[in-house]
C-alpha atoms as a PDB file:
ATOM      1  CA  UNK A   1      73.274  84.624  96.864  1.00  0.00           C
ATOM      2  CA  UNK A   2      74.140  87.914  95.422  1.00  0.00           C
ATOM      3  CA  UNK A   3      77.680  89.334  96.117  1.00  0.00           C
ATOM      4  CA  UNK A   4      79.979  92.280  95.516  1.00  0.00           C
ATOM      5  CA  UNK A   5      83.815  91.124  94.581  1.00  0.00           C
ATOM      6  CA  UNK A   6      86.523  93.616  95.519  1.00  0.00           C
ATOM      7  CA  UNK A   7      89.884  92.980  93.846  1.00  0.00           C
ATOM      8  CA  UNK A   8      93.114  94.614  94.802  1.00  0.00           C
ATOM      9  CA  UNK A   9      95.208  93.367  91.658  1.00  0.00           C
ATOM     10  CA  UNK A  10      98.779  93.134  91.160  1.00  0.00           C
ATOM     11  CA  UNK A  11     100.916  92.087  88.496  1.00  0.00           C
ATOM     12  CA  UNK A  12     101.783  88.764  90.455  1.00  0.00           C
ATOM     13  CA  UNK A  13      99.203  88.382  92.818  1.00  0.00           C
ATOM     14  CA  UNK A  14      95.585  89.608  93.412  1.00  0.00           C
ATOM     15  CA  UNK A  15      93.885  89.849  96.600  1.00  0.00           C
ATOM     16  CA  UNK A  16      89.964  88.825  96.333  1.00  0.00           C
ATOM     17  CA  UNK A  17      87.157  89.790  99.097  1.00  0.00           C
ATOM     18  CA  UNK A  18      83.584  89.171  99.037  1.00  0.00           C
ATOM     19  CA  UNK A  19      80.643  90.740 100.578  1.00  0.00           C
ATOM     20  CA  UNK A  20      77.897  89.412 102.692  1.00  0.00           C
ATOM     21  CA  UNK A  21      74.542  88.865 100.870  1.00  0.00           C
ATOM     22  CA  UNK A  22      73.110  91.967 102.408  1.00  0.00           C
ATOM     23  CA  UNK A  23      76.201  94.045 100.941  1.00  0.00           C
ATOM     24  CA  UNK A  24      76.909  95.122 104.342  1.00  0.00           C
ATOM     25  CA  UNK A  25      80.524  93.475 105.260  1.00  0.00           C
ATOM     26  CA  UNK A  26      83.349  92.964 103.391  1.00  0.00           C
ATOM     27  CA  UNK A  27      85.456  89.805 103.865  1.00  0.00           C
ATOM     28  CA  UNK A  28      89.212  88.865 102.745  1.00  0.00           C
ATOM     29  CA  UNK A  29      88.326  85.749 100.542  1.00  0.00           C
ATOM     30  CA  UNK A  30      91.522  84.713  98.582  1.00  0.00           C
ATOM     31  CA  UNK A  31      94.810  85.397  97.009  1.00  0.00           C
ATOM     32  CA  UNK A  32      95.073  84.476  93.588  1.00  0.00           C
ATOM     33  CA  UNK A  33      97.676  84.196  90.933  1.00  0.00           C
ATOM     34  CA  UNK A  34      96.918  86.841  88.757  1.00  0.00           C
ATOM     35  CA  UNK A  35      97.344  85.047  85.673  1.00  0.00           C
ATOM     36  CA  UNK A  36      94.834  82.590  86.849  1.00  0.00           C
ATOM     37  CA  UNK A  37      92.413  85.547  88.350  1.00  0.00           C
ATOM     38  CA  UNK A  38      89.939  85.465  85.491  1.00  0.00           C
ATOM     39  CA  UNK A  39      89.261  81.613  85.738  1.00  0.00           C
ATOM     40  CA  UNK A  40      89.167  81.842  89.378  1.00  0.00           C
ATOM     41  CA  UNK A  41      86.027  84.592  89.193  1.00  0.00           C
ATOM     42  CA  UNK A  42      84.339  82.256  86.462  1.00  0.00           C
ATOM     43  CA  UNK A  43      84.600  79.420  88.946  1.00  0.00           C
ATOM     44  CA  UNK A  44      83.221  81.587  91.989  1.00  0.00           C
ATOM     45  CA  UNK A  45      80.429  82.838  89.679  1.00  0.00           C
ATOM     46  CA  UNK A  46      79.394  79.173  89.062  1.00  0.00           C
ATOM     47  CA  UNK A  47      78.037  79.033  92.591  1.00  0.00           C
ATOM     48  CA  UNK A  48      77.247  82.852  93.387  1.00  0.00           C
ATOM     49  CA  UNK A  49      75.682  85.569  91.359  1.00  0.00           C
ATOM     50  CA  UNK A  50      77.988  88.386  91.235  1.00  0.00           C
ATOM     51  CA  UNK A  51      76.287  91.809  91.418  1.00  0.00           C
ATOM     52  CA  UNK A  52      79.600  94.076  90.745  1.00  0.00           C
ATOM     53  CA  UNK A  53      83.088  94.282  90.692  1.00  0.00           C
ATOM     54  CA  UNK A  54      85.109  96.515  92.669  1.00  0.00           C
ATOM     55  CA  UNK A  55      88.766  97.022  91.644  1.00  0.00           C
ATOM     56  CA  UNK A  56      91.309  99.267  93.593  1.00  0.00           C
ATOM     57  CA  UNK A  57      92.603 101.888  91.275  1.00  0.00           C
ATOM     58  CA  UNK A  58      96.279 102.854  91.702  1.00  0.00           C
ATOM     59  CA  UNK A  59      96.977 106.522  91.712  1.00  0.00           C
ATOM     60  CA  UNK A  60      99.570 108.575  93.146  1.00  0.00           C
ATOM     61  CA  UNK A  61      99.033 110.948  95.932  1.00  0.00           C
ATOM     62  CA  UNK A  62      98.524 113.803  93.534  1.00  0.00           C
ATOM     63  CA  UNK A  63      96.112 112.059  91.820  1.00  0.00           C
ATOM     64  CA  UNK A  64      98.022 111.263  88.957  1.00  0.00           C
ATOM     65  CA  UNK A  65      98.662 107.761  87.273  1.00  0.00           C
ATOM     66  CA  UNK A  66     100.329 105.435  88.798  1.00  0.00           C
ATOM     67  CA  UNK A  67     102.872 102.833  87.046  1.00  0.00           C
ATOM     68  CA  UNK A  68     100.733  99.992  88.288  1.00  0.00           C
ATOM     69  CA  UNK A  69      97.591 101.626  86.504  1.00  0.00           C
ATOM     70  CA  UNK A  70      98.514 100.164  83.190  1.00  0.00           C
ATOM     71  CA  UNK A  71      98.671  96.730  84.369  1.00  0.00           C
ATOM     72  CA  UNK A  72      95.041  97.409  86.226  1.00  0.00           C
ATOM     73  CA  UNK A  73      93.644  98.447  82.986  1.00  0.00           C
ATOM     74  CA  UNK A  74      94.860  95.582  80.921  1.00  0.00           C
ATOM     75  CA  UNK A  75      92.990  93.586  83.849  1.00  0.00           C
ATOM     76  CA  UNK A  76      89.964  95.684  83.533  1.00  0.00           C
ATOM     77  CA  UNK A  77      89.469  95.007  79.615  1.00  0.00           C
ATOM     78  CA  UNK A  78      90.015  91.235  80.399  1.00  0.00           C
ATOM     79  CA  UNK A  79      87.474  91.430  83.048  1.00  0.00           C
ATOM     80  CA  UNK A  80      84.856  93.211  80.895  1.00  0.00           C
ATOM     81  CA  UNK A  81      85.151  90.528  78.191  1.00  0.00           C
ATOM     82  CA  UNK A  82      84.892  87.543  80.645  1.00  0.00           C
ATOM     83  CA  UNK A  83      81.725  89.478  82.706  1.00  0.00           C
ATOM     84  CA  UNK A  84      80.056  91.794  80.151  1.00  0.00           C
ATOM     85  CA  UNK A  85      76.834  92.005  81.947  1.00  0.00           C
ATOM     86  CA  UNK A  86      78.535  92.859  85.372  1.00  0.00           C
ATOM     87  CA  UNK A  87      79.225  96.655  86.397  1.00  0.00           C
ATOM     88  CA  UNK A  88      82.748  97.246  87.366  1.00  0.00           C
ATOM     89  CA  UNK A  89      83.481 100.107  90.015  1.00  0.00           C
ATOM     90  CA  UNK A  90      86.706 101.467  90.148  1.00  0.00           C
ATOM     91  CA  UNK A  91      87.778 102.460  94.126  1.00  0.00           C
ATOM     92  CA  UNK A  92      90.952 104.526  95.049  1.00  0.00           C
ATOM     93  CA  UNK A  93      93.505 102.192  96.584  1.00  0.00           C
ATOM     94  CA  UNK A  94      96.087 104.502  98.171  1.00  0.00           C
ATOM     95  CA  UNK A  95      96.919 103.248 101.752  1.00  0.00           C
ATOM     96  CA  UNK A  96      95.067 100.107 101.510  1.00  0.00           C
ATOM     97  CA  UNK A  97      98.313  97.984 102.217  1.00  0.00           C
ATOM     98  CA  UNK A  98      99.072 100.315 105.132  1.00  0.00           C
ATOM     99  CA  UNK A  99      95.592  99.917 106.766  1.00  0.00           C
ATOM    100  CA  UNK A 100      95.966  96.312 105.682  1.00  0.00           C
ATOM    101  CA  UNK A 101      99.229  95.949 107.710  1.00  0.00           C
ATOM    102  CA  UNK A 102      97.423  98.020 110.722  1.00  0.00           C
ATOM    103  CA  UNK A 103      94.086  96.034 110.819  1.00  0.00           C
ATOM    104  CA  UNK A 104      96.809  92.655 111.009  1.00  0.00           C
ATOM    105  CA  UNK A 105      98.735  94.327 114.023  1.00  0.00           C
ATOM    106  CA  UNK A 106      95.456  95.528 115.702  1.00  0.00           C
ATOM    107  CA  UNK A 107      94.149  92.100 115.255  1.00  0.00           C
ATOM    108  CA  UNK A 108      96.946  90.321 116.924  1.00  0.00           C
ATOM    109  CA  UNK A 109      99.101  88.589 114.043  1.00  0.00           C
ATOM    110  CA  UNK A 110     102.160  87.774 114.583  1.00  0.00           C
ATOM    111  CA  UNK A 111     105.230  89.477 112.814  1.00  0.00           C
ATOM    112  CA  UNK A 112     105.742  86.380 110.766  1.00  0.00           C
ATOM    113  CA  UNK A 113     102.190  86.133 109.678  1.00  0.00           C
ATOM    114  CA  UNK A 114     102.234  89.954 108.758  1.00  0.00           C
ATOM    115  CA  UNK A 115     105.254  89.152 106.455  1.00  0.00           C
ATOM    116  CA  UNK A 116     103.091  87.235 104.379  1.00  0.00           C
ATOM    117  CA  UNK A 117     101.973  89.466 101.342  1.00  0.00           C
ATOM    118  CA  UNK A 118      99.162  87.009 100.187  1.00  0.00           C
ATOM    119  CA  UNK A 119      97.353  87.970 103.745  1.00  0.00           C
ATOM    120  CA  UNK A 120      97.924  91.593 102.935  1.00  0.00           C
ATOM    121  CA  UNK A 121      96.580  91.042  99.392  1.00  0.00           C
ATOM    122  CA  UNK A 122      93.276  89.860 100.395  1.00  0.00           C
ATOM    123  CA  UNK A 123      93.018  92.194 103.320  1.00  0.00           C
ATOM    124  CA  UNK A 124      93.738  94.935 101.053  1.00  0.00           C
ATOM    125  CA  UNK A 125      90.798  93.616  98.745  1.00  0.00           C
ATOM    126  CA  UNK A 126      88.445  93.902 101.718  1.00  0.00           C
ATOM    127  CA  UNK A 127      89.325  97.146 102.522  1.00  0.00           C
ATOM    128  CA  UNK A 128      88.659  98.553  99.085  1.00  0.00           C
ATOM    129  CA  UNK A 129      85.579  96.769  98.830  1.00  0.00           C
ATOM    130  CA  UNK A 130      83.898  98.196 102.532  1.00  0.00           C
ATOM    131  CA  UNK A 131      85.373 101.580 101.406  1.00  0.00           C
ATOM    132  CA  UNK A 132      82.899 101.459  98.233  1.00  0.00           C
ATOM    133  CA  UNK A 133      79.984  99.711  99.887  1.00  0.00           C
ATOM    134  CA  UNK A 134      80.103 102.189 103.144  1.00  0.00           C
ATOM    135  CA  UNK A 135      80.392 105.228 100.840  1.00  0.00           C
ATOM    136  CA  UNK A 136      77.331 103.671  98.890  1.00  0.00           C
ATOM    137  CA  UNK A 137      75.560 103.114 102.108  1.00  0.00           C
ATOM    138  CA  UNK A 138      76.375 106.690 103.200  1.00  0.00           C
ATOM    139  CA  UNK A 139      78.156 105.804 106.283  1.00  0.00           C
ATOM    140  CA  UNK A 140      80.820 107.771 107.387  1.00  0.00           C
ATOM    141  CA  UNK A 141      83.360 104.883 107.570  1.00  0.00           C
ATOM    142  CA  UNK A 142      84.778 105.195 104.197  1.00  0.00           C
ATOM    143  CA  UNK A 143      88.066 105.473 103.352  1.00  0.00           C
ATOM    144  CA  UNK A 144      89.281 109.205 103.039  1.00  0.00           C
ATOM    145  CA  UNK A 145      93.407 108.576 101.790  1.00  0.00           C
ATOM    146  CA  UNK A 146      94.024 112.330 103.162  1.00  0.00           C
ATOM    147  CA  UNK A 147      92.457 111.183 106.816  1.00  0.00           C
ATOM    148  CA  UNK A 148      95.220 108.225 107.387  1.00  0.00           C
ATOM    149  CA  UNK A 149      97.508 109.416 109.787  1.00  0.00           C
ATOM    150  CA  UNK A 150     100.844 110.699 108.851  1.00  0.00           C
ATOM    151  CA  UNK A 151     102.424 107.868 111.024  1.00  0.00           C
ATOM    152  CA  UNK A 152     100.441 104.998 109.063  1.00  0.00           C
ATOM    153  CA  UNK A 153     101.272 106.620 105.675  1.00  0.00           C
ATOM    154  CA  UNK A 154     104.719 105.942 106.102  1.00  0.00           C
ATOM    155  CA  UNK A 155     104.155 102.330 107.068  1.00  0.00           C
ATOM    156  CA  UNK A 156     105.766 102.760 110.844  1.00  0.00           C
ATOM    157  CA  UNK A 157     105.059 100.673 113.548  1.00  0.00           C
ATOM    158  CA  UNK A 158     106.223 100.988 117.122  1.00  0.00           C
ATOM    159  CA  UNK A 159     107.885  97.619 118.286  1.00  0.00           C
ATOM    160  CA  UNK A 160     107.017  96.664 122.348  1.00  0.00           C
ATOM    161  CA  UNK A 161     110.362  97.025 124.433  1.00  0.00           C
END
């Protein structure tokens, strides 16, 4: 079946998400050691047809390149060599980790589970992919970094007393 793949690339770990066959919903798929990511994607492509990769692209709040952008650029070259026929779209990844933490809290995950960075990475990949798909479909649910409340952007959560 046809799938879109969302990628939240990191120096050590990478979150991977996948769309449903209709390209409506994104689901967290896995967290992969970044050095093994291309092999993981090739293996995945043996069973599913990948229509597009949507890669989170790190930029600073002012839109300038972030420090992590160099790592993503290197990965994008590797991805292009490994999948020359598959298009790649870049998606603003600002606030995806904050939104992933919020989704984990809202979903009832325990604090010990929320500290698992692997979970955050794959949920971030799903948010990146869902944002792309929403924008393509004209949905008003797409991620607008300026719409993230100040309380979330500072990664604050309230503790119950």
